[in-house]
Amino acid sequence: MSSRKGGSRAGTRRLFRKHPRSKGKISLTKYFTPYAVGERAVLSAEPAVQKALYHQRFHGKAGFIVGSRGDCYELEIKDGGKTKMIVVHPVHMKKLEMKA
């Protein structure tokens, strides 16, 4: 029996790619952005940082911050009919502003 080819980032060549104009150093504000419990955030990968990167199926999904775990945050996301909790580094998240 053969083993499966590829790792956790298999098939993400175009999905986790940076636009050529946005290449370069990552700003420290993006790296250390504080989030409060209950805030909404969207998952958008920063390809230059691999630590605490989520699975590719969650790319572009929005969720609520549930808590923190070390330098990372716990994000609750609806995936199909289920709610899932993902541990994500703040560099891979963007704040979602609620419109009133």
Protein backbone atom coordinates (compact mmCIF):
# COMPACT_ATOMS: atom_id res chain seq x y z
CA MET A 1 0.00 0.00 0.00
CA SER A 2 1.38 3.40 -0.95
CA SER A 3 1.40 6.44 1.28
CA ARG A 4 -0.28 9.72 0.40
CA LYS A 5 1.77 12.32 -1.47
CA GLY A 6 2.13 15.82 -0.16
CA GLY A 7 1.92 17.52 3.20
CA SER A 8 -0.42 19.97 4.91
CA ARG A 9 0.15 22.71 2.27
CA ALA A 10 -0.25 20.48 -0.80
CA GLY A 11 -2.21 22.18 -3.59
CA THR A 12 -1.89 25.68 -2.15
CA ARG A 13 0.58 27.16 -4.64
CA ARG A 14 -1.89 29.78 -5.89
CA LEU A 15 -4.07 30.01 -2.78
CA PHE A 16 -1.35 31.12 -0.35
CA ARG A 17 0.57 33.24 -2.89
CA LYS A 18 1.45 36.88 -2.25
CA HIS A 19 0.82 39.61 -4.78
CA PRO A 20 4.19 40.80 -6.15
CA ARG A 21 3.65 44.38 -4.88
CA SER A 22 2.94 43.19 -1.34
CA LYS A 23 6.13 41.14 -1.03
CA GLY A 24 8.74 42.14 1.54
CA LYS A 25 8.93 42.48 5.28
CA ILE A 26 5.82 42.05 7.39
CA SER A 27 4.83 45.04 9.50
CA LEU A 28 5.09 44.49 13.23
CA THR A 29 1.63 45.98 13.77
CA LYS A 30 0.12 43.14 11.75
CA TYR A 31 2.23 40.64 13.68
CA PHE A 32 1.21 41.89 17.15
CA THR A 33 -2.38 43.03 16.50
CA PRO A 34 -4.45 42.57 19.69
CA TYR A 35 -7.89 40.96 19.44
CA ALA A 36 -10.61 40.94 22.09
CA VAL A 37 -12.94 38.05 22.83
CA GLY A 38 -16.09 38.39 20.73
CA GLU A 39 -14.47 40.32 17.86
CA ARG A 40 -14.91 39.09 14.30
CA ALA A 41 -11.93 38.22 12.12
CA VAL A 42 -11.38 36.91 8.59
CA LEU A 43 -8.71 34.33 7.81
CA SER A 44 -6.22 35.54 5.21
CA ALA A 45 -2.89 33.71 5.13
CA GLU A 46 0.45 35.46 5.36
CA PRO A 47 2.68 33.11 3.34
CA ALA A 48 5.94 34.45 4.79
CA VAL A 49 4.98 33.11 8.25
CA GLN A 50 4.26 29.41 8.53
CA LYS A 51 3.66 29.10 12.25
CA ALA A 52 0.05 28.57 13.36
CA LEU A 53 -1.24 28.57 9.78
CA TYR A 54 -4.73 27.13 9.37
CA HIS A 55 -5.85 24.47 6.88
CA GLN A 56 -6.48 25.65 3.32
CA ARG A 57 -10.22 24.91 3.45
CA PHE A 58 -10.72 27.74 5.97
CA HIS A 59 -9.11 30.43 3.76
CA GLY A 60 -11.32 33.53 3.53
CA LYS A 61 -13.80 32.40 6.21
CA ALA A 62 -14.91 34.70 9.01
CA GLY A 63 -15.41 33.80 12.63
CA PHE A 64 -15.51 34.99 16.24
CA ILE A 65 -12.56 35.18 18.65
CA VAL A 66 -13.29 32.77 21.50
CA GLY A 67 -10.06 33.06 23.50
CA SER A 68 -6.30 33.19 23.33
CA ARG A 69 -3.73 30.43 23.47
CA GLY A 70 -0.14 31.64 23.87
CA ASP A 71 0.64 34.09 21.06
CA CYS A 72 -2.30 32.77 19.03
CA TYR A 73 -6.06 33.14 19.17
CA GLU A 74 -8.89 30.61 19.15
CA LEU A 75 -11.30 31.37 16.31
CA GLU A 76 -14.73 29.76 16.04
CA ILE A 77 -15.82 29.17 12.43
CA LYS A 78 -18.90 27.67 10.81
CA ASP A 79 -17.81 24.95 8.37
CA GLY A 80 -20.83 23.46 6.66
CA GLY A 81 -23.27 22.82 9.49
CA LYS A 82 -20.68 22.49 12.24
CA THR A 83 -18.81 25.04 14.32
CA LYS A 84 -15.07 24.44 14.50
CA MET A 85 -12.43 26.00 16.71
CA ILE A 86 -9.13 26.90 15.00
CA VAL A 87 -5.94 28.16 16.65
CA VAL A 88 -4.50 30.93 14.45
CA HIS A 89 -1.63 33.39 14.74
CA PRO A 90 -2.77 37.05 14.48
CA VAL A 91 -0.63 37.60 11.36
CA HIS A 92 -3.06 35.33 9.45
CA MET A 93 -6.18 37.30 10.50
CA LYS A 94 -7.82 40.58 9.50
CA LYS A 95 -10.30 42.47 11.67
CA LEU A 96 -13.82 42.49 10.30
CA GLU A 97 -15.67 45.72 10.93
CA MET A 98 -19.36 45.33 11.71
CA LYS A 99 -21.59 47.73 9.78
CA ALA A 100 -24.48 49.22 11.71
